[in-house]
Each structure stands twice: as C-alpha cells, then as structure tokens.
Amino acid sequence: MPALSELKKEYLEKKPLIQQRLSEFEEIWGKGSNAIFAELAFCLCTPQSNAKQCDAAVNDLLGKKLLFKSGQGRIERVLSKRVRFHKSKACYIIEARNLLMPGIKEKLESLGIKSNTPKVRSWLVENVKGLGMKEASHFLRNIGFGQKLAILDRHIMRNLLYYGALKEIPKSINEKSYLSIEKKMHSFSSRVQIPLPELDLLFWSRETGEIFK
C-alpha cells in the first residue's frame, strides 16, 4: 500500500488553498436563491462534460440573463458550445427551475439542509431530473453543505483504490453501492485525519492539477 505520509504532506501543502475554496462554497448560501440555483445548473451540466467548460457555460447564461427566464431553446444554444448532451441538460435546467425557483433556498431550508444533508440529497435525487447521487452531493458541497457527503467520481474512486480503501471500482453505481463506498471514504478520511470535503478536493487536485469545484 502506498505510504500515507506522502498524502499527508501534500495535504499540508495544499490545505490553505483547499480551505479557502471551501469557504468560497459556503459563501454561496449567503448570496441567495439565484446563486444557489446557478450551482445546481452547473452540477446538472457536469455528467460526462468538462467541469470548467460547464462553469463557463453557466456563467455565459448568467451574463446573458438567460438562466432564470429564457426558454429551453436559448439555453440549449449556449450549452451546445461547451456541454455534452446539451439538449437533455437544458431540459433538466428548465424542469429544475420550474420545481425550485424562485425560492430554492427556502425550499432547501424546509427540507432540513442545516440538520440532515443526506435526507436533502435523497430528496434531490428523487425529485430533480438529471441529478444522481454524485451530482446531488456535488451541488450540496458547492453551496457549503458537503461535510458528510462524498462526490464519488472516477478521480475520487481511483485514489480510494490506490490507497486500498476500495478493492475495485464498480462498473456502475446504484444508491446502495454509492452509500457503501461513501462509508469507506468516511473511514479513510478518519484514518488519515483529513476532513471529507478537504480530502475530496485534495484527490481532485491530484488528478486535474488544480483545486476547482
């Protein structure tokens, strides 16, 4: 098994930037429903697409004042430049907007986001089309509520495998297997004494070369 000392050393080097990024995520909540929904739109775009390109696409929608009022066709055209499966994802954004806006912050508060994020995640997966366990976890982390949630993408699982926290990376993941792997990541996080959200960004930065979102 690879030496954990190298991981801990890397964590200490990157810790200030990682914690700064997490603080920026926490600030989103205070900015209100529009900022929160923009993060949801970003997470709806990310499956099988480049995260930086998805972020640029959502910023383009915001800059053109299309995210909150325009129809599906105009959103599709903006997404088509940068996001795969842009037609489906534009549809998901519209459906989520109809379901959750203009008061997404109040809705999440009523669901208990400050006391039970796993419950809120389950509700999002069940009710927001296009949002799976990974994307719902990603969204909640990006608005400051990811302390108990793992974002199990290929980068994270590859590192969990590397350090022996996983025996293999499953070909597909349902909710039950997601929760099982998440539990293993929690155990690994406790063992190396790196908080779960910080461990996620550390692993992500190892794979991509940057601390993004």
C-alpha atoms as a PDB file:
ATOM      1  CA  MET A   1       0.000   0.000   0.000  1.00  0.00           C
ATOM      2  CA  PRO A   2       1.366   3.466  -0.829  1.00  0.00           C
ATOM      3  CA  ALA A   3       2.720   5.472   2.087  1.00  0.00           C
ATOM      4  CA  LEU A   4       0.114   7.745   3.632  1.00  0.00           C
ATOM      5  CA  SER A   5       2.850  10.128   4.712  1.00  0.00           C
ATOM      6  CA  GLU A   6       3.112  11.477   1.161  1.00  0.00           C
ATOM      7  CA  LEU A   7      -0.638  12.138   1.065  1.00  0.00           C
ATOM      8  CA  LYS A   8      -0.496  13.963   4.391  1.00  0.00           C
ATOM      9  CA  LYS A   9       2.479  16.015   3.233  1.00  0.00           C
ATOM     10  CA  GLU A  10       0.641  17.023   0.076  1.00  0.00           C
ATOM     11  CA  TYR A  11      -2.429  17.895   2.140  1.00  0.00           C
ATOM     12  CA  LEU A  12      -0.460  20.226   4.390  1.00  0.00           C
ATOM     13  CA  GLU A  13       0.971  21.983   1.337  1.00  0.00           C
ATOM     14  CA  LYS A  14      -2.448  22.456  -0.273  1.00  0.00           C
ATOM     15  CA  LYS A  15      -4.522  22.896   2.886  1.00  0.00           C
ATOM     16  CA  PRO A  16      -4.722  26.737   2.791  1.00  0.00           C
ATOM     17  CA  LEU A  17      -5.983  26.741  -0.815  1.00  0.00           C
ATOM     18  CA  ILE A  18      -8.382  23.880  -0.153  1.00  0.00           C
ATOM     19  CA  GLN A  19      -9.873  25.586   2.897  1.00  0.00           C
ATOM     20  CA  GLN A  20     -10.141  28.868   1.011  1.00  0.00           C
ATOM     21  CA  ARG A  21     -12.085  27.101  -1.736  1.00  0.00           C
ATOM     22  CA  LEU A  22     -14.444  25.504   0.774  1.00  0.00           C
ATOM     23  CA  SER A  23     -15.015  28.914   2.376  1.00  0.00           C
ATOM     24  CA  GLU A  24     -15.967  30.264  -1.046  1.00  0.00           C
ATOM     25  CA  PHE A  25     -18.514  27.454  -1.416  1.00  0.00           C
ATOM     26  CA  GLU A  26     -20.014  28.357   1.961  1.00  0.00           C
ATOM     27  CA  GLU A  27     -20.447  31.960   0.818  1.00  0.00           C
ATOM     28  CA  ILE A  28     -22.794  30.841  -1.988  1.00  0.00           C
ATOM     29  CA  TRP A  29     -25.544  30.085   0.526  1.00  0.00           C
ATOM     30  CA  GLY A  30     -25.495  33.644   1.791  1.00  0.00           C
ATOM     31  CA  LYS A  31     -25.841  35.031  -1.721  1.00  0.00           C
ATOM     32  CA  GLY A  32     -29.391  33.696  -2.037  1.00  0.00           C
ATOM     33  CA  SER A  33     -31.520  31.619  -4.361  1.00  0.00           C
ATOM     34  CA  ASN A  34     -30.118  32.810  -7.694  1.00  0.00           C
ATOM     35  CA  ALA A  35     -26.543  31.912  -6.760  1.00  0.00           C
ATOM     36  CA  ILE A  36     -27.679  28.583  -5.308  1.00  0.00           C
ATOM     37  CA  PHE A  37     -29.654  27.696  -8.438  1.00  0.00           C
ATOM     38  CA  ALA A  38     -26.671  28.607 -10.641  1.00  0.00           C
ATOM     39  CA  GLU A  39     -24.662  25.946  -8.764  1.00  0.00           C
ATOM     40  CA  LEU A  40     -27.456  23.447  -9.331  1.00  0.00           C
ATOM     41  CA  ALA A  41     -27.422  24.247 -13.058  1.00  0.00           C
ATOM     42  CA  PHE A  42     -23.645  23.725 -13.082  1.00  0.00           C
ATOM     43  CA  CYS A  43     -23.982  20.319 -11.423  1.00  0.00           C
ATOM     44  CA  LEU A  44     -26.730  19.301 -13.862  1.00  0.00           C
ATOM     45  CA  CYS A  45     -24.317  20.047 -16.706  1.00  0.00           C
ATOM     46  CA  THR A  46     -21.273  18.177 -15.377  1.00  0.00           C
ATOM     47  CA  PRO A  47     -22.004  14.494 -16.149  1.00  0.00           C
ATOM     48  CA  GLN A  48     -19.661  13.389 -18.955  1.00  0.00           C
ATOM     49  CA  SER A  49     -18.602  17.004 -19.518  1.00  0.00           C
ATOM     50  CA  ASN A  50     -15.597  19.100 -18.517  1.00  0.00           C
ATOM     51  CA  ALA A  51     -16.281  20.954 -15.259  1.00  0.00           C
ATOM     52  CA  LYS A  52     -14.538  24.165 -16.336  1.00  0.00           C
ATOM     53  CA  GLN A  53     -16.498  24.219 -19.581  1.00  0.00           C
ATOM     54  CA  CYS A  54     -19.742  23.690 -17.654  1.00  0.00           C
ATOM     55  CA  ASP A  55     -18.866  26.539 -15.319  1.00  0.00           C
ATOM     56  CA  ALA A  56     -18.144  28.778 -18.302  1.00  0.00           C
ATOM     57  CA  ALA A  57     -21.470  27.828 -19.889  1.00  0.00           C
ATOM     58  CA  VAL A  58     -23.450  28.673 -16.741  1.00  0.00           C
ATOM     59  CA  ASN A  59     -21.581  31.970 -16.405  1.00  0.00           C
ATOM     60  CA  ASP A  60     -22.495  32.677 -20.036  1.00  0.00           C
ATOM     61  CA  LEU A  61     -26.167  32.008 -19.247  1.00  0.00           C
ATOM     62  CA  LEU A  62     -25.944  34.343 -16.265  1.00  0.00           C
ATOM     63  CA  GLY A  63     -24.179  37.044 -18.252  1.00  0.00           C
ATOM     64  CA  LYS A  64     -26.844  36.924 -20.948  1.00  0.00           C
ATOM     65  CA  LYS A  65     -29.621  36.832 -18.310  1.00  0.00           C
ATOM     66  CA  LEU A  66     -30.965  33.565 -19.709  1.00  0.00           C
ATOM     67  CA  LEU A  67     -30.716  31.190 -16.752  1.00  0.00           C
ATOM     68  CA  PHE A  68     -33.817  32.324 -14.884  1.00  0.00           C
ATOM     69  CA  LYS A  69     -36.223  33.449 -17.599  1.00  0.00           C
ATOM     70  CA  SER A  70     -35.417  32.098 -21.055  1.00  0.00           C
ATOM     71  CA  GLY A  71     -36.900  29.064 -22.781  1.00  0.00           C
ATOM     72  CA  GLN A  72     -35.177  25.760 -23.405  1.00  0.00           C
ATOM     73  CA  GLY A  73     -34.038  26.587 -26.926  1.00  0.00           C
ATOM     74  CA  ARG A  74     -31.928  29.577 -25.919  1.00  0.00           C
ATOM     75  CA  ILE A  75     -30.346  27.639 -23.052  1.00  0.00           C
ATOM     76  CA  GLU A  76     -29.606  24.766 -25.429  1.00  0.00           C
ATOM     77  CA  ARG A  77     -27.762  27.064 -27.806  1.00  0.00           C
ATOM     78  CA  VAL A  78     -25.492  28.376 -25.061  1.00  0.00           C
ATOM     79  CA  LEU A  79     -24.794  24.909 -23.656  1.00  0.00           C
ATOM     80  CA  SER A  80     -24.115  23.434 -27.113  1.00  0.00           C
ATOM     81  CA  LYS A  81     -20.798  25.293 -27.340  1.00  0.00           C
ATOM     82  CA  ARG A  82     -19.313  23.606 -24.274  1.00  0.00           C
ATOM     83  CA  VAL A  83     -21.540  20.903 -22.739  1.00  0.00           C
ATOM     84  CA  ARG A  84     -22.229  17.370 -23.964  1.00  0.00           C
ATOM     85  CA  PHE A  85     -25.873  16.256 -24.249  1.00  0.00           C
ATOM     86  CA  HIS A  86     -26.861  19.925 -24.213  1.00  0.00           C
ATOM     87  CA  LYS A  87     -30.488  19.291 -25.199  1.00  0.00           C
ATOM     88  CA  SER A  88     -31.153  16.944 -22.276  1.00  0.00           C
ATOM     89  CA  LYS A  89     -29.300  19.171 -19.841  1.00  0.00           C
ATOM     90  CA  ALA A  90     -31.153  22.293 -20.949  1.00  0.00           C
ATOM     91  CA  CYS A  91     -34.372  20.394 -20.309  1.00  0.00           C
ATOM     92  CA  TYR A  92     -33.138  19.401 -16.825  1.00  0.00           C
ATOM     93  CA  ILE A  93     -32.324  23.035 -16.009  1.00  0.00           C
ATOM     94  CA  ILE A  94     -35.787  24.192 -17.085  1.00  0.00           C
ATOM     95  CA  GLU A  95     -37.522  21.443 -15.096  1.00  0.00           C
ATOM     96  CA  ALA A  96     -35.423  22.184 -12.003  1.00  0.00           C
ATOM     97  CA  ARG A  97     -36.176  25.889 -12.371  1.00  0.00           C
ATOM     98  CA  ASN A  98     -39.903  25.190 -12.563  1.00  0.00           C
ATOM     99  CA  LEU A  99     -39.679  22.980  -9.486  1.00  0.00           C
ATOM    100  CA  LEU A 100     -37.415  25.047  -7.250  1.00  0.00           C
ATOM    101  CA  MET A 101     -37.360  28.686  -8.279  1.00  0.00           C
ATOM    102  CA  PRO A 102     -37.625  31.444  -7.298  1.00  0.00           C
ATOM    103  CA  GLY A 103     -37.247  30.110  -3.727  1.00  0.00           C
ATOM    104  CA  ILE A 104     -34.720  27.264  -3.822  1.00  0.00           C
ATOM    105  CA  LYS A 105     -33.032  28.463  -0.622  1.00  0.00           C
ATOM    106  CA  GLU A 106     -36.282  28.407   1.329  1.00  0.00           C
ATOM    107  CA  LYS A 107     -37.164  25.002  -0.122  1.00  0.00           C
ATOM    108  CA  LEU A 108     -33.829  23.513   0.941  1.00  0.00           C
ATOM    109  CA  GLU A 109     -34.243  25.037   4.398  1.00  0.00           C
ATOM    110  CA  SER A 110     -37.692  23.483   4.714  1.00  0.00           C
ATOM    111  CA  LEU A 111     -36.212  20.098   3.800  1.00  0.00           C
ATOM    112  CA  GLY A 112     -33.715  20.385   6.659  1.00  0.00           C
ATOM    113  CA  ILE A 113     -30.471  21.176   4.856  1.00  0.00           C
ATOM    114  CA  LYS A 114     -28.842  22.508   8.022  1.00  0.00           C
ATOM    115  CA  SER A 115     -29.545  19.378  10.057  1.00  0.00           C
ATOM    116  CA  ASN A 116     -29.864  16.448   7.642  1.00  0.00           C
ATOM    117  CA  THR A 117     -27.979  16.804   4.364  1.00  0.00           C
ATOM    118  CA  PRO A 118     -28.249  13.078   3.454  1.00  0.00           C
ATOM    119  CA  LYS A 119     -32.050  13.426   3.608  1.00  0.00           C
ATOM    120  CA  VAL A 120     -31.924  16.508   1.376  1.00  0.00           C
ATOM    121  CA  ARG A 121     -29.668  14.671  -1.053  1.00  0.00           C
ATOM    122  CA  SER A 122     -32.157  11.809  -1.289  1.00  0.00           C
ATOM    123  CA  TRP A 123     -34.961  14.287  -1.988  1.00  0.00           C
ATOM    124  CA  LEU A 124     -32.950  15.966  -4.739  1.00  0.00           C
ATOM    125  CA  VAL A 125     -32.118  12.645  -6.400  1.00  0.00           C
ATOM    126  CA  GLU A 126     -35.758  11.614  -6.295  1.00  0.00           C
ATOM    127  CA  ASN A 127     -37.230  14.901  -7.479  1.00  0.00           C
ATOM    128  CA  VAL A 128     -34.697  16.695  -9.702  1.00  0.00           C
ATOM    129  CA  LYS A 129     -34.407  15.020 -13.082  1.00  0.00           C
ATOM    130  CA  GLY A 130     -30.808  14.598 -14.210  1.00  0.00           C
ATOM    131  CA  LEU A 131     -29.399  14.675 -10.672  1.00  0.00           C
ATOM    132  CA  GLY A 132     -27.883  11.439  -9.386  1.00  0.00           C
ATOM    133  CA  MET A 133     -26.161  10.772  -6.060  1.00  0.00           C
ATOM    134  CA  LYS A 134     -22.832  12.161  -7.260  1.00  0.00           C
ATOM    135  CA  GLU A 135     -24.330  15.341  -8.737  1.00  0.00           C
ATOM    136  CA  ALA A 136     -26.569  15.963  -5.719  1.00  0.00           C
ATOM    137  CA  SER A 137     -23.561  15.542  -3.407  1.00  0.00           C
ATOM    138  CA  HIS A 138     -21.553  17.875  -5.640  1.00  0.00           C
ATOM    139  CA  PHE A 139     -24.290  20.515  -5.517  1.00  0.00           C
ATOM    140  CA  LEU A 140     -24.640  20.380  -1.749  1.00  0.00           C
ATOM    141  CA  ARG A 141     -20.872  20.634  -1.299  1.00  0.00           C
ATOM    142  CA  ASN A 142     -20.738  23.608  -3.665  1.00  0.00           C
ATOM    143  CA  ILE A 143     -23.232  25.544  -1.534  1.00  0.00           C
ATOM    144  CA  GLY A 144     -21.454  24.755   1.733  1.00  0.00           C
ATOM    145  CA  PHE A 145     -23.185  21.586   2.959  1.00  0.00           C
ATOM    146  CA  GLY A 146     -20.820  18.808   1.922  1.00  0.00           C
ATOM    147  CA  GLN A 147     -19.283  17.946   5.283  1.00  0.00           C
ATOM    148  CA  LYS A 148     -20.862  14.472   5.371  1.00  0.00           C
ATOM    149  CA  LEU A 149     -21.100  13.749   1.639  1.00  0.00           C
ATOM    150  CA  ALA A 150     -18.684  12.159  -0.819  1.00  0.00           C
ATOM    151  CA  ILE A 151     -18.575  13.122  -4.501  1.00  0.00           C
ATOM    152  CA  LEU A 152     -17.743   9.745  -5.997  1.00  0.00           C
ATOM    153  CA  ASP A 153     -16.461  10.458  -9.479  1.00  0.00           C
ATOM    154  CA  ARG A 154     -13.725   8.486 -11.232  1.00  0.00           C
ATOM    155  CA  HIS A 155     -10.964  10.743  -9.826  1.00  0.00           C
ATOM    156  CA  ILE A 156     -12.008  10.104  -6.242  1.00  0.00           C
ATOM    157  CA  MET A 157     -12.543   6.361  -6.614  1.00  0.00           C
ATOM    158  CA  ARG A 158      -9.219   5.940  -8.417  1.00  0.00           C
ATOM    159  CA  ASN A 159      -7.480   7.427  -5.394  1.00  0.00           C
ATOM    160  CA  LEU A 160      -9.502   5.362  -2.937  1.00  0.00           C
ATOM    161  CA  LEU A 161      -8.438   2.279  -4.889  1.00  0.00           C
ATOM    162  CA  TYR A 162      -4.816   3.424  -4.898  1.00  0.00           C
ATOM    163  CA  TYR A 163      -4.763   3.727  -1.112  1.00  0.00           C
ATOM    164  CA  GLY A 164      -6.574   0.456  -0.523  1.00  0.00           C
ATOM    165  CA  ALA A 165      -9.824   1.974   0.726  1.00  0.00           C
ATOM    166  CA  LEU A 166     -11.571   0.285  -2.230  1.00  0.00           C
ATOM    167  CA  LYS A 167     -10.909  -3.170  -3.615  1.00  0.00           C
ATOM    168  CA  GLU A 168     -12.237  -2.294  -7.052  1.00  0.00           C
ATOM    169  CA  ILE A 169     -14.066   0.448  -8.912  1.00  0.00           C
ATOM    170  CA  PRO A 170     -17.554  -0.793  -9.839  1.00  0.00           C
ATOM    171  CA  LYS A 171     -18.648  -0.519 -13.465  1.00  0.00           C
ATOM    172  CA  SER A 172     -21.911   1.076 -12.380  1.00  0.00           C
ATOM    173  CA  ILE A 173     -23.109   2.507  -9.064  1.00  0.00           C
ATOM    174  CA  ASN A 174     -26.616   2.442  -7.650  1.00  0.00           C
ATOM    175  CA  GLU A 175     -27.659   4.244  -4.480  1.00  0.00           C
ATOM    176  CA  LYS A 176     -26.821   1.292  -2.238  1.00  0.00           C
ATOM    177  CA  SER A 177     -23.296   0.870  -3.609  1.00  0.00           C
ATOM    178  CA  TYR A 178     -22.775   4.650  -3.567  1.00  0.00           C
ATOM    179  CA  LEU A 179     -23.570   4.773   0.153  1.00  0.00           C
ATOM    180  CA  SER A 180     -21.292   1.783   0.767  1.00  0.00           C
ATOM    181  CA  ILE A 181     -18.323   3.455  -0.966  1.00  0.00           C
ATOM    182  CA  GLU A 182     -19.126   6.742   0.752  1.00  0.00           C
ATOM    183  CA  LYS A 183     -18.877   4.944   4.099  1.00  0.00           C
ATOM    184  CA  LYS A 184     -15.455   3.610   3.104  1.00  0.00           C
ATOM    185  CA  MET A 185     -14.327   7.112   2.191  1.00  0.00           C
ATOM    186  CA  HIS A 186     -15.534   8.356   5.581  1.00  0.00           C
ATOM    187  CA  SER A 187     -13.432   5.658   7.268  1.00  0.00           C
ATOM    188  CA  PHE A 188     -10.381   6.548   5.188  1.00  0.00           C
ATOM    189  CA  SER A 189     -10.906  10.245   5.941  1.00  0.00           C
ATOM    190  CA  SER A 190     -10.927   9.497   9.673  1.00  0.00           C
ATOM    191  CA  ARG A 191      -7.846   7.294   9.390  1.00  0.00           C
ATOM    192  CA  VAL A 192      -5.734   9.923   7.619  1.00  0.00           C
ATOM    193  CA  GLN A 193      -7.282  12.760   9.675  1.00  0.00           C
ATOM    194  CA  ILE A 194      -8.274  14.814   6.630  1.00  0.00           C
ATOM    195  CA  PRO A 195     -11.893  16.093   6.672  1.00  0.00           C
ATOM    196  CA  LEU A 196     -14.026  14.577   3.933  1.00  0.00           C
ATOM    197  CA  PRO A 197     -14.590  17.747   1.834  1.00  0.00           C
ATOM    198  CA  GLU A 198     -10.882  18.579   2.034  1.00  0.00           C
ATOM    199  CA  LEU A 199      -9.932  15.038   1.051  1.00  0.00           C
ATOM    200  CA  ASP A 200     -12.220  15.286  -1.970  1.00  0.00           C
ATOM    201  CA  LEU A 201     -10.525  18.471  -3.207  1.00  0.00           C
ATOM    202  CA  LEU A 202      -7.087  17.011  -2.468  1.00  0.00           C
ATOM    203  CA  PHE A 203      -7.812  13.938  -4.579  1.00  0.00           C
ATOM    204  CA  TRP A 204      -9.376  16.090  -7.294  1.00  0.00           C
ATOM    205  CA  SER A 205      -6.315  18.344  -7.436  1.00  0.00           C
ATOM    206  CA  ARG A 206      -4.011  15.328  -7.747  1.00  0.00           C
ATOM    207  CA  GLU A 207      -5.893  14.166 -10.819  1.00  0.00           C
ATOM    208  CA  THR A 208      -6.555  17.504 -12.516  1.00  0.00           C
ATOM    209  CA  GLY A 209      -3.712  19.694 -11.298  1.00  0.00           C
ATOM    210  CA  GLU A 210      -5.957  22.328  -9.726  1.00  0.00           C
ATOM    211  CA  ILE A 211      -8.420  22.978  -6.912  1.00  0.00           C
ATOM    212  CA  PHE A 212     -11.620  23.810  -8.758  1.00  0.00           C
ATOM    213  CA  LYS A 213     -15.147  22.744  -7.837  1.00  0.00           C
END
